[in-house]
Amino acid sequence: MTLTATSSKPRLTFDELREYKHLITGAMDAYGGSFVSSIAQAARRADPSNLYRLFQAFPDLFAVYGPGTRFFADVKRAYEG
């Protein structure tokens, strides 16, 4: 199997993760599998230092569910009612 990077890969900064943590982790729970949900749970419980460690370990994972994605938009819409 060959994996290639694409230029349309979502990007997420740590500041965005901190600002939208509840929406991003909600999207991870709603649309991710059990591993993604476990990372979301850890992120919700993490202090800023450990949240940064999770972000450094899984930046692409958080980006997949972050601002600008369908997952994020769906969860944001649900929270806004």
Protein backbone atom coordinates (compact mmCIF):
# COMPACT_ATOMS: atom_id res chain seq x y z
CA MET A 1 0.00 0.00 0.00
CA THR A 2 1.31 3.41 -0.92
CA LEU A 3 0.20 6.51 0.92
CA THR A 4 0.62 9.88 -0.68
CA ALA A 5 0.15 13.34 0.77
CA THR A 6 -2.31 15.69 -0.84
CA SER A 7 -2.27 19.46 -0.87
CA SER A 8 -5.94 19.61 0.20
CA LYS A 9 -5.14 18.11 3.59
CA PRO A 10 -6.98 19.94 6.39
CA ARG A 11 -4.83 22.08 8.66
CA LEU A 12 -5.46 22.88 12.30
CA THR A 13 -3.50 25.01 14.73
CA PHE A 14 -3.23 24.29 18.44
CA ASP A 15 -5.03 27.58 19.15
CA GLU A 16 -7.96 26.42 17.01
CA LEU A 17 -8.02 23.11 18.86
CA ARG A 18 -8.16 24.96 22.18
CA GLU A 19 -10.88 27.33 20.93
CA TYR A 20 -13.10 24.64 19.38
CA LYS A 21 -12.18 21.67 21.57
CA HIS A 22 -15.76 20.81 22.52
CA LEU A 23 -16.92 20.86 18.87
CA ILE A 24 -13.91 18.97 17.53
CA THR A 25 -14.12 16.28 20.19
CA GLY A 26 -17.89 16.09 19.65
CA ALA A 27 -17.29 15.48 15.95
CA MET A 28 -14.67 12.86 16.78
CA ASP A 29 -17.18 11.05 19.01
CA ALA A 30 -20.00 11.31 16.48
CA TYR A 31 -18.09 10.29 13.36
CA GLY A 32 -14.92 8.51 14.45
CA GLY A 33 -14.37 4.94 15.50
CA SER A 34 -13.51 3.68 18.96
CA PHE A 35 -9.86 4.79 18.76
CA VAL A 36 -10.81 8.31 17.65
CA SER A 37 -13.44 8.48 20.38
CA SER A 38 -10.84 7.47 22.97
CA ILE A 39 -8.50 10.24 21.81
CA ALA A 40 -11.42 12.69 21.99
CA GLN A 41 -12.17 11.62 25.55
CA ALA A 42 -8.52 12.08 26.52
CA ALA A 43 -8.47 15.52 24.86
CA ARG A 44 -11.57 16.65 26.78
CA ARG A 45 -9.98 15.64 30.08
CA ALA A 46 -6.49 16.92 29.31
CA ASP A 47 -4.92 19.97 30.86
CA PRO A 48 -3.32 22.38 28.34
CA SER A 49 0.06 20.66 28.52
CA ASN A 50 -1.34 17.20 27.85
CA LEU A 51 -3.72 18.53 25.20
CA TYR A 52 -0.65 19.88 23.40
CA ARG A 53 1.01 16.46 23.67
CA LEU A 54 -2.07 14.81 22.12
CA PHE A 55 -2.11 17.44 19.36
CA GLN A 56 1.57 16.82 18.62
CA ALA A 57 0.99 13.06 18.46
CA PHE A 58 -2.18 13.19 16.30
CA PRO A 59 -2.34 16.51 14.38
CA ASP A 60 -3.94 14.97 11.29
CA LEU A 61 -6.53 13.16 13.38
CA PHE A 62 -7.72 16.39 15.01
CA ALA A 63 -7.64 18.22 11.67
CA VAL A 64 -9.98 15.69 10.04
CA TYR A 65 -12.70 16.71 12.51
CA GLY A 66 -11.80 20.41 12.84
CA PRO A 67 -13.09 23.68 11.37
CA GLY A 68 -13.72 23.57 7.65
CA THR A 69 -14.77 19.92 7.64
CA ARG A 70 -18.21 18.45 7.16
CA PHE A 71 -17.94 16.68 10.53
CA PHE A 72 -17.25 19.94 12.35
CA ALA A 73 -20.05 21.76 10.50
CA ASP A 74 -22.59 19.05 11.35
CA VAL A 75 -21.73 19.10 15.05
CA LYS A 76 -21.64 22.91 15.17
CA ARG A 77 -25.08 23.05 13.55
CA ALA A 78 -26.42 20.54 16.10
CA TYR A 79 -25.01 22.53 19.03
CA GLU A 80 -26.47 25.78 17.70
CA GLY A 81 -29.86 24.12 17.41
